[in-house]
Amino acid sequence: MQSTMNLLEQALQLNPPQYWHKKLNLNRNALHNAQQRGHISPAIAGALAEELGEDPSKWIVIAALESERDSACKTRMLKRLQQPHKGLMM
């Protein structure tokens, strides 16, 4: 399963954190704090995805699910995202 840490890693392979902070108008610690938490916010995920040519909607959903507490609903939605034919319908 893809995670927002994969998305962030992809972005950081292209440019350093300072570039992304300036490009997305983020606090200078935003990406560092996200790495410490293990996930990024849905808004940052969508913006990074857009800049990387990825589907922002998909990454917003992944980020939202990552920030949820563990529950049966979270598990169900994560499984659904892993199924290519039943993924997001937008």
PDB file of N, CA and C in Angstrom:
ATOM      1  N   MET A   1       0.842  -1.188   0.000  1.00  0.00           N
ATOM      2  CA  MET A   1       0.000   0.000   0.000  1.00  0.00           C
ATOM      3  C   MET A   1       0.879   1.240   0.000  1.00  0.00           C
ATOM      4  N   GLN A   2       0.520   2.161  -0.814  1.00  0.00           N
ATOM      5  CA  GLN A   2       1.252   3.418  -0.842  1.00  0.00           C
ATOM      6  C   GLN A   2       0.918   4.224   0.408  1.00  0.00           C
ATOM      7  N   SER A   3       1.895   4.990   0.875  1.00  0.00           N
ATOM      8  CA  SER A   3       1.665   5.861   2.017  1.00  0.00           C
ATOM      9  C   SER A   3       2.148   7.259   1.675  1.00  0.00           C
ATOM     10  N   THR A   4       1.724   8.214   2.482  1.00  0.00           N
ATOM     11  CA  THR A   4       2.155   9.582   2.226  1.00  0.00           C
ATOM     12  C   THR A   4       3.658   9.731   2.434  1.00  0.00           C
ATOM     13  N   MET A   5       4.253   8.831   3.195  1.00  0.00           N
ATOM     14  CA  MET A   5       5.705   8.872   3.349  1.00  0.00           C
ATOM     15  C   MET A   5       6.380   8.503   2.022  1.00  0.00           C
ATOM     16  N   ASN A   6       5.751   7.630   1.239  1.00  0.00           N
ATOM     17  CA  ASN A   6       6.265   7.317  -0.102  1.00  0.00           C
ATOM     18  C   ASN A   6       6.201   8.552  -0.990  1.00  0.00           C
ATOM     19  N   LEU A   7       5.092   9.275  -0.903  1.00  0.00           N
ATOM     20  CA  LEU A   7       4.920  10.488  -1.692  1.00  0.00           C
ATOM     21  C   LEU A   7       5.956  11.538  -1.282  1.00  0.00           C
ATOM     22  N   LEU A   8       6.155  11.704   0.010  1.00  0.00           N
ATOM     23  CA  LEU A   8       7.125  12.677   0.501  1.00  0.00           C
ATOM     24  C   LEU A   8       8.540  12.282   0.080  1.00  0.00           C
ATOM     25  N   GLU A   9       8.845  11.009   0.170  1.00  0.00           N
ATOM     26  CA  GLU A   9      10.166  10.530  -0.250  1.00  0.00           C
ATOM     27  C   GLU A   9      10.403  10.825  -1.730  1.00  0.00           C
ATOM     28  N   GLN A  10       9.388  10.603  -2.535  1.00  0.00           N
ATOM     29  CA  GLN A  10       9.479  10.890  -3.973  1.00  0.00           C
ATOM     30  C   GLN A  10       9.758  12.381  -4.202  1.00  0.00           C
ATOM     31  N   ALA A  11       9.064  13.238  -3.464  1.00  0.00           N
ATOM     32  CA  ALA A  11       9.257  14.686  -3.601  1.00  0.00           C
ATOM     33  C   ALA A  11      10.660  15.089  -3.166  1.00  0.00           C
ATOM     34  N   LEU A  12      11.136  14.499  -2.067  1.00  0.00           N
ATOM     35  CA  LEU A  12      12.451  14.868  -1.545  1.00  0.00           C
ATOM     36  C   LEU A  12      13.596  14.330  -2.400  1.00  0.00           C
ATOM     37  N   GLN A  13      13.323  13.318  -3.205  1.00  0.00           N
ATOM     38  CA  GLN A  13      14.347  12.842  -4.144  1.00  0.00           C
ATOM     39  C   GLN A  13      14.541  13.854  -5.273  1.00  0.00           C
ATOM     40  N   LEU A  14      13.506  14.610  -5.567  1.00  0.00           N
ATOM     41  CA  LEU A  14      13.584  15.620  -6.626  1.00  0.00           C
ATOM     42  C   LEU A  14      14.162  16.939  -6.141  1.00  0.00           C
ATOM     43  N   ASN A  15      13.747  17.360  -4.945  1.00  0.00           N
ATOM     44  CA  ASN A  15      14.158  18.653  -4.403  1.00  0.00           C
ATOM     45  C   ASN A  15      14.248  18.582  -2.881  1.00  0.00           C
ATOM     46  N   PRO A  16      15.080  19.428  -2.280  1.00  0.00           N
ATOM     47  CA  PRO A  16      15.218  19.427  -0.821  1.00  0.00           C
ATOM     48  C   PRO A  16      13.977  20.007  -0.134  1.00  0.00           C
ATOM     49  N   PRO A  17      13.843  19.756   1.163  1.00  0.00           N
ATOM     50  CA  PRO A  17      12.678  20.264   1.893  1.00  0.00           C
ATOM     51  C   PRO A  17      12.478  21.773   1.737  1.00  0.00           C
ATOM     52  N   GLN A  18      13.558  22.538   1.725  1.00  0.00           N
ATOM     53  CA  GLN A  18      13.444  23.992   1.617  1.00  0.00           C
ATOM     54  C   GLN A  18      12.701  24.394   0.341  1.00  0.00           C
ATOM     55  N   TYR A  19      12.950  23.673  -0.746  1.00  0.00           N
ATOM     56  CA  TYR A  19      12.271  23.945  -2.014  1.00  0.00           C
ATOM     57  C   TYR A  19      10.762  23.764  -1.844  1.00  0.00           C
ATOM     58  N   TRP A  20      10.373  22.641  -1.236  1.00  0.00           N
ATOM     59  CA  TRP A  20       8.952  22.336  -1.082  1.00  0.00           C
ATOM     60  C   TRP A  20       8.286  23.298  -0.109  1.00  0.00           C
ATOM     61  N   HIS A  21       8.995  23.679   0.948  1.00  0.00           N
ATOM     62  CA  HIS A  21       8.432  24.650   1.889  1.00  0.00           C
ATOM     63  C   HIS A  21       8.096  25.954   1.169  1.00  0.00           C
ATOM     64  N   LYS A  22       9.039  26.400   0.333  1.00  0.00           N
ATOM     65  CA  LYS A  22       8.817  27.653  -0.397  1.00  0.00           C
ATOM     66  C   LYS A  22       7.742  27.482  -1.477  1.00  0.00           C
ATOM     67  N   LYS A  23       7.840  26.405  -2.242  1.00  0.00           N
ATOM     68  CA  LYS A  23       6.911  26.157  -3.355  1.00  0.00           C
ATOM     69  C   LYS A  23       5.462  26.063  -2.866  1.00  0.00           C
ATOM     70  N   LEU A  24       5.253  25.396  -1.711  1.00  0.00           N
ATOM     71  CA  LEU A  24       3.904  25.173  -1.201  1.00  0.00           C
ATOM     72  C   LEU A  24       3.519  26.153  -0.090  1.00  0.00           C
ATOM     73  N   ASN A  25       4.433  27.111   0.169  1.00  0.00           N
ATOM     74  CA  ASN A  25       4.193  28.116   1.209  1.00  0.00           C
ATOM     75  C   ASN A  25       3.911  27.467   2.573  1.00  0.00           C
ATOM     76  N   LEU A  26       4.800  26.544   2.963  1.00  0.00           N
ATOM     77  CA  LEU A  26       4.660  25.811   4.226  1.00  0.00           C
ATOM     78  C   LEU A  26       5.584  26.383   5.285  1.00  0.00           C
ATOM     79  N   ASN A  27       5.227  26.144   6.522  1.00  0.00           N
ATOM     80  CA  ASN A  27       6.115  26.435   7.644  1.00  0.00           C
ATOM     81  C   ASN A  27       7.402  25.660   7.433  1.00  0.00           C
ATOM     82  N   ARG A  28       8.532  26.227   7.814  1.00  0.00           N
ATOM     83  CA  ARG A  28       9.819  25.586   7.529  1.00  0.00           C
ATOM     84  C   ARG A  28      10.016  24.232   8.213  1.00  0.00           C
ATOM     85  N   ASN A  29       9.174  23.908   9.184  1.00  0.00           N
ATOM     86  CA  ASN A  29       9.284  22.615   9.871  1.00  0.00           C
ATOM     87  C   ASN A  29       8.198  21.626   9.454  1.00  0.00           C
ATOM     88  N   ALA A  30       7.340  22.011   8.552  1.00  0.00           N
ATOM     89  CA  ALA A  30       6.168  21.191   8.211  1.00  0.00           C
ATOM     90  C   ALA A  30       6.538  19.778   7.761  1.00  0.00           C
ATOM     91  N   LEU A  31       7.482  19.664   6.854  1.00  0.00           N
ATOM     92  CA  LEU A  31       7.831  18.332   6.333  1.00  0.00           C
ATOM     93  C   LEU A  31       8.606  17.516   7.357  1.00  0.00           C
ATOM     94  N   HIS A  32       9.446  18.174   8.131  1.00  0.00           N
ATOM     95  CA  HIS A  32      10.172  17.473   9.196  1.00  0.00           C
ATOM     96  C   HIS A  32       9.172  16.918  10.219  1.00  0.00           C
ATOM     97  N   ASN A  33       8.225  17.743  10.618  1.00  0.00           N
ATOM     98  CA  ASN A  33       7.209  17.298  11.574  1.00  0.00           C
ATOM     99  C   ASN A  33       6.383  16.141  11.008  1.00  0.00           C
ATOM    100  N   ALA A  34       6.075  16.215   9.728  1.00  0.00           N
ATOM    101  CA  ALA A  34       5.320  15.133   9.084  1.00  0.00           C
ATOM    102  C   ALA A  34       6.108  13.830   9.120  1.00  0.00           C
ATOM    103  N   GLN A  35       7.407  13.915   8.868  1.00  0.00           N
ATOM    104  CA  GLN A  35       8.240  12.714   8.921  1.00  0.00           C
ATOM    105  C   GLN A  35       8.250  12.133  10.326  1.00  0.00           C
ATOM    106  N   GLN A  36       8.283  12.987  11.331  1.00  0.00           N
ATOM    107  CA  GLN A  36       8.267  12.520  12.719  1.00  0.00           C
ATOM    108  C   GLN A  36       6.953  11.811  13.057  1.00  0.00           C
ATOM    109  N   ARG A  37       5.837  12.343  12.538  1.00  0.00           N
ATOM    110  CA  ARG A  37       4.522  11.740  12.776  1.00  0.00           C
ATOM    111  C   ARG A  37       4.315  10.477  11.948  1.00  0.00           C
ATOM    112  N   GLY A  38       4.981  10.409  10.806  1.00  0.00           N
ATOM    113  CA  GLY A  38       4.819   9.252   9.930  1.00  0.00           C
ATOM    114  C   GLY A  38       3.750   9.420   8.872  1.00  0.00           C
ATOM    115  N   HIS A  39       3.195  10.617   8.748  1.00  0.00           N
ATOM    116  CA  HIS A  39       2.213  10.899   7.694  1.00  0.00           C
ATOM    117  C   HIS A  39       2.106  12.398   7.509  1.00  0.00           C
ATOM    118  N   ILE A  40       1.612  12.791   6.339  1.00  0.00           N
ATOM    119  CA  ILE A  40       1.433  14.215   6.075  1.00  0.00           C
ATOM    120  C   ILE A  40      -0.056  14.535   5.998  1.00  0.00           C
ATOM    121  N   SER A  41      -0.374  15.795   6.146  1.00  0.00           N
ATOM    122  CA  SER A  41      -1.776  16.206   6.136  1.00  0.00           C
ATOM    123  C   SER A  41      -2.370  15.999   4.738  1.00  0.00           C
ATOM    124  N   PRO A  42      -3.688  15.840   4.671  1.00  0.00           N
ATOM    125  CA  PRO A  42      -4.334  15.699   3.367  1.00  0.00           C
ATOM    126  C   PRO A  42      -4.062  16.885   2.434  1.00  0.00           C
ATOM    127  N   ALA A  43      -4.050  18.081   2.965  1.00  0.00           N
ATOM    128  CA  ALA A  43      -3.818  19.260   2.119  1.00  0.00           C
ATOM    129  C   ALA A  43      -2.410  19.250   1.528  1.00  0.00           C
ATOM    130  N   ILE A  44      -1.417  18.947   2.343  1.00  0.00           N
ATOM    131  CA  ILE A  44      -0.040  18.893   1.847  1.00  0.00           C
ATOM    132  C   ILE A  44       0.123  17.726   0.881  1.00  0.00           C
ATOM    133  N   ALA A  45      -0.506  16.595   1.196  1.00  0.00           N
ATOM    134  CA  ALA A  45      -0.427  15.436   0.301  1.00  0.00           C
ATOM    135  C   ALA A  45      -1.000  15.783  -1.073  1.00  0.00           C
ATOM    136  N   GLY A  46      -2.127  16.448  -1.097  1.00  0.00           N
ATOM    137  CA  GLY A  46      -2.740  16.830  -2.365  1.00  0.00           C
ATOM    138  C   GLY A  46      -1.873  17.796  -3.151  1.00  0.00           C
ATOM    139  N   ALA A  47      -1.293  18.767  -2.452  1.00  0.00           N
ATOM    140  CA  ALA A  47      -0.439  19.751  -3.121  1.00  0.00           C
ATOM    141  C   ALA A  47       0.834  19.112  -3.663  1.00  0.00           C
ATOM    142  N   LEU A  48       1.458  18.246  -2.864  1.00  0.00           N
ATOM    143  CA  LEU A  48       2.662  17.545  -3.343  1.00  0.00           C
ATOM    144  C   LEU A  48       2.331  16.669  -4.545  1.00  0.00           C
ATOM    145  N   ALA A  49       1.229  15.931  -4.444  1.00  0.00           N
ATOM    146  CA  ALA A  49       0.828  15.053  -5.545  1.00  0.00           C
ATOM    147  C   ALA A  49       0.630  15.852  -6.823  1.00  0.00           C
ATOM    148  N   GLU A  50      -0.033  16.967  -6.700  1.00  0.00           N
ATOM    149  CA  GLU A  50      -0.278  17.820  -7.866  1.00  0.00           C
ATOM    150  C   GLU A  50       1.041  18.264  -8.497  1.00  0.00           C
ATOM    151  N   GLU A  51       1.989  18.676  -7.666  1.00  0.00           N
ATOM    152  CA  GLU A  51       3.295  19.123  -8.158  1.00  0.00           C
ATOM    153  C   GLU A  51       4.086  17.980  -8.802  1.00  0.00           C
ATOM    154  N   LEU A  52       3.844  16.764  -8.329  1.00  0.00           N
ATOM    155  CA  LEU A  52       4.564  15.592  -8.851  1.00  0.00           C
ATOM    156  C   LEU A  52       3.831  14.926 -10.017  1.00  0.00           C
ATOM    157  N   GLY A  53       2.699  15.488 -10.417  1.00  0.00           N
ATOM    158  CA  GLY A  53       1.943  14.913 -11.533  1.00  0.00           C
ATOM    159  C   GLY A  53       1.128  13.692 -11.147  1.00  0.00           C
ATOM    160  N   GLU A  54       0.865  13.544  -9.868  1.00  0.00           N
ATOM    161  CA  GLU A  54       0.054  12.427  -9.362  1.00  0.00           C
ATOM    162  C   GLU A  54      -1.381  12.913  -9.164  1.00  0.00           C
ATOM    163  N   ASP A  55      -2.285  11.973  -8.915  1.00  0.00           N
ATOM    164  CA  ASP A  55      -3.689  12.294  -8.672  1.00  0.00           C
ATOM    165  C   ASP A  55      -3.849  12.841  -7.248  1.00  0.00           C
ATOM    166  N   PRO A  56      -4.116  14.140  -7.107  1.00  0.00           N
ATOM    167  CA  PRO A  56      -4.246  14.715  -5.765  1.00  0.00           C
ATOM    168  C   PRO A  56      -5.374  14.080  -4.945  1.00  0.00           C
ATOM    169  N   SER A  57      -6.495  13.748  -5.593  1.00  0.00           N
ATOM    170  CA  SER A  57      -7.632  13.164  -4.872  1.00  0.00           C
ATOM    171  C   SER A  57      -7.244  11.871  -4.175  1.00  0.00           C
ATOM    172  N   LYS A  58      -6.528  11.036  -4.875  1.00  0.00           N
ATOM    173  CA  LYS A  58      -6.085   9.759  -4.307  1.00  0.00           C
ATOM    174  C   LYS A  58      -5.219   9.991  -3.066  1.00  0.00           C
ATOM    175  N   TRP A  59      -4.294  10.934  -3.180  1.00  0.00           N
ATOM    176  CA  TRP A  59      -3.368  11.174  -2.065  1.00  0.00           C
ATOM    177  C   TRP A  59      -4.047  11.869  -0.899  1.00  0.00           C
ATOM    178  N   ILE A  60      -5.041  12.679  -1.169  1.00  0.00           N
ATOM    179  CA  ILE A  60      -5.804  13.305  -0.086  1.00  0.00           C
ATOM    180  C   ILE A  60      -6.533  12.226   0.717  1.00  0.00           C
ATOM    181  N   VAL A  61      -7.115  11.271   0.022  1.00  0.00           N
ATOM    182  CA  VAL A  61      -7.822  10.175   0.694  1.00  0.00           C
ATOM    183  C   VAL A  61      -6.846   9.324   1.505  1.00  0.00           C
ATOM    184  N   ILE A  62      -5.709   8.983   0.925  1.00  0.00           N
ATOM    185  CA  ILE A  62      -4.712   8.192   1.648  1.00  0.00           C
ATOM    186  C   ILE A  62      -4.275   8.924   2.912  1.00  0.00           C
ATOM    187  N   ALA A  63      -3.994  10.215   2.799  1.00  0.00           N
ATOM    188  CA  ALA A  63      -3.561  11.001   3.964  1.00  0.00           C
ATOM    189  C   ALA A  63      -4.653  11.065   5.029  1.00  0.00           C
ATOM    190  N   ALA A  64      -5.884  11.237   4.604  1.00  0.00           N
ATOM    191  CA  ALA A  64      -6.993  11.296   5.563  1.00  0.00           C
ATOM    192  C   ALA A  64      -7.120   9.977   6.312  1.00  0.00           C
ATOM    193  N   LEU A  65      -7.008   8.873   5.602  1.00  0.00           N
ATOM    194  CA  LEU A  65      -7.105   7.565   6.251  1.00  0.00           C
ATOM    195  C   LEU A  65      -5.931   7.320   7.201  1.00  0.00           C
ATOM    196  N   GLU A  66      -4.743   7.751   6.817  1.00  0.00           N
ATOM    197  CA  GLU A  66      -3.579   7.571   7.691  1.00  0.00           C
ATOM    198  C   GLU A  66      -3.742   8.307   9.013  1.00  0.00           C
ATOM    199  N   SER A  67      -4.440   9.423   8.994  1.00  0.00           N
ATOM    200  CA  SER A  67      -4.580  10.214  10.222  1.00  0.00           C
ATOM    201  C   SER A  67      -5.712   9.713  11.119  1.00  0.00           C
ATOM    202  N   GLU A  68      -6.504   8.787  10.616  1.00  0.00           N
ATOM    203  CA  GLU A  68      -7.604   8.225  11.407  1.00  0.00           C
ATOM    204  C   GLU A  68      -7.084   7.242  12.456  1.00  0.00           C
ATOM    205  N   ARG A  69      -7.816   7.137  13.548  1.00  0.00           N
ATOM    206  CA  ARG A  69      -7.519   6.102  14.540  1.00  0.00           C
ATOM    207  C   ARG A  69      -7.853   4.750  13.925  1.00  0.00           C
ATOM    208  N   ASP A  70      -7.198   3.709  14.424  1.00  0.00           N
ATOM    209  CA  ASP A  70      -7.496   2.368  13.931  1.00  0.00           C
ATOM    210  C   ASP A  70      -8.946   2.007  14.241  1.00  0.00           C
ATOM    211  N   SER A  71      -9.620   1.498  13.239  1.00  0.00           N
ATOM    212  CA  SER A  71     -11.012   1.079  13.392  1.00  0.00           C
ATOM    213  C   SER A  71     -11.347   0.123  12.257  1.00  0.00           C
ATOM    214  N   ALA A  72     -12.483  -0.518  12.387  1.00  0.00           N
ATOM    215  CA  ALA A  72     -12.940  -1.424  11.330  1.00  0.00           C
ATOM    216  C   ALA A  72     -13.174  -0.658  10.032  1.00  0.00           C
ATOM    217  N   CYS A  73     -13.690   0.555  10.135  1.00  0.00           N
ATOM    218  CA  CYS A  73     -13.944   1.356   8.937  1.00  0.00           C
ATOM    219  C   CYS A  73     -12.640   1.742   8.248  1.00  0.00           C
ATOM    220  N   LYS A  74     -11.642   2.112   9.035  1.00  0.00           N
ATOM    221  CA  LYS A  74     -10.347   2.469   8.453  1.00  0.00           C
ATOM    222  C   LYS A  74      -9.757   1.265   7.728  1.00  0.00           C
ATOM    223  N   THR A  75      -9.788   0.109   8.359  1.00  0.00           N
ATOM    224  CA  THR A  75      -9.263  -1.116   7.746  1.00  0.00           C
ATOM    225  C   THR A  75     -10.003  -1.429   6.447  1.00  0.00           C
ATOM    226  N   ARG A  76     -11.309  -1.273   6.480  1.00  0.00           N
ATOM    227  CA  ARG A  76     -12.132  -1.537   5.290  1.00  0.00           C
ATOM    228  C   ARG A  76     -11.746  -0.612   4.139  1.00  0.00           C
ATOM    229  N   MET A  77     -11.588   0.675   4.424  1.00  0.00           N
ATOM    230  CA  MET A  77     -11.259   1.632   3.376  1.00  0.00           C
ATOM    231  C   MET A  77      -9.831   1.432   2.849  1.00  0.00           C
ATOM    232  N   LEU A  78      -8.906   1.088   3.725  1.00  0.00           N
ATOM    233  CA  LEU A  78      -7.536   0.809   3.273  1.00  0.00           C
ATOM    234  C   LEU A  78      -7.514  -0.404   2.344  1.00  0.00           C
ATOM    235  N   LYS A  79      -8.284  -1.427   2.672  1.00  0.00           N
ATOM    236  CA  LYS A  79      -8.375  -2.600   1.795  1.00  0.00           C
ATOM    237  C   LYS A  79      -8.972  -2.221   0.453  1.00  0.00           C
ATOM    238  N   ARG A  80      -9.977  -1.368   0.490  1.00  0.00           N
ATOM    239  CA  ARG A  80     -10.624  -0.936  -0.761  1.00  0.00           C
ATOM    240  C   ARG A  80      -9.642  -0.178  -1.654  1.00  0.00           C
ATOM    241  N   LEU A  81      -8.803   0.649  -1.065  1.00  0.00           N
ATOM    242  CA  LEU A  81      -7.809   1.394  -1.842  1.00  0.00           C
ATOM    243  C   LEU A  81      -6.798   0.469  -2.507  1.00  0.00           C
ATOM    244  N   GLN A  82      -6.557  -0.682  -1.918  1.00  0.00           N
ATOM    245  CA  GLN A  82      -5.577  -1.622  -2.464  1.00  0.00           C
ATOM    246  C   GLN A  82      -6.136  -2.390  -3.650  1.00  0.00           C
ATOM    247  N   GLN A  83      -7.440  -2.372  -3.857  1.00  0.00           N
ATOM    248  CA  GLN A  83      -8.063  -3.088  -4.957  1.00  0.00           C
ATOM    249  C   GLN A  83      -8.178  -2.152  -6.152  1.00  0.00           C
ATOM    250  N   PRO A  84      -7.373  -2.378  -7.202  1.00  0.00           N
ATOM    251  CA  PRO A  84      -7.359  -1.445  -8.339  1.00  0.00           C
ATOM    252  C   PRO A  84      -8.722  -1.219  -8.974  1.00  0.00           C
ATOM    253  N   HIS A  85      -9.537  -2.242  -9.100  1.00  0.00           N
ATOM    254  CA  HIS A  85     -10.821  -2.101  -9.770  1.00  0.00           C
ATOM    255  C   HIS A  85     -11.890  -1.475  -8.895  1.00  0.00           C
ATOM    256  N   LYS A  86     -11.644  -1.415  -7.589  1.00  0.00           N
ATOM    257  CA  LYS A  86     -12.636  -0.835  -6.690  1.00  0.00           C
ATOM    258  C   LYS A  86     -12.093   0.389  -5.960  1.00  0.00           C
ATOM    259  N   GLY A  87     -10.985   0.914  -6.406  1.00  0.00           N
ATOM    260  CA  GLY A  87     -10.370   2.055  -5.729  1.00  0.00           C
ATOM    261  C   GLY A  87     -11.298   3.246  -5.617  1.00  0.00           C
ATOM    262  N   LEU A  88     -10.801   4.408  -5.811  1.00  0.00           N
ATOM    263  CA  LEU A  88     -11.584   5.626  -5.676  1.00  0.00           C
ATOM    264  C   LEU A  88     -12.491   5.818  -6.874  1.00  0.00           C
ATOM    265  N   MET A  89     -13.689   6.221  -6.589  1.00  0.00           N
ATOM    266  CA  MET A  89     -14.626   6.522  -7.673  1.00  0.00           C
ATOM    267  C   MET A  89     -14.979   7.979  -7.582  1.00  0.00           C
ATOM    268  N   MET A  90     -14.350   8.778  -8.450  1.00  0.00           N
ATOM    269  CA  MET A  90     -14.600  10.222  -8.428  1.00  0.00           C
ATOM    270  C   MET A  90     -14.916  10.719  -9.795  1.00  0.00           C
TER     271      MET A  90
END
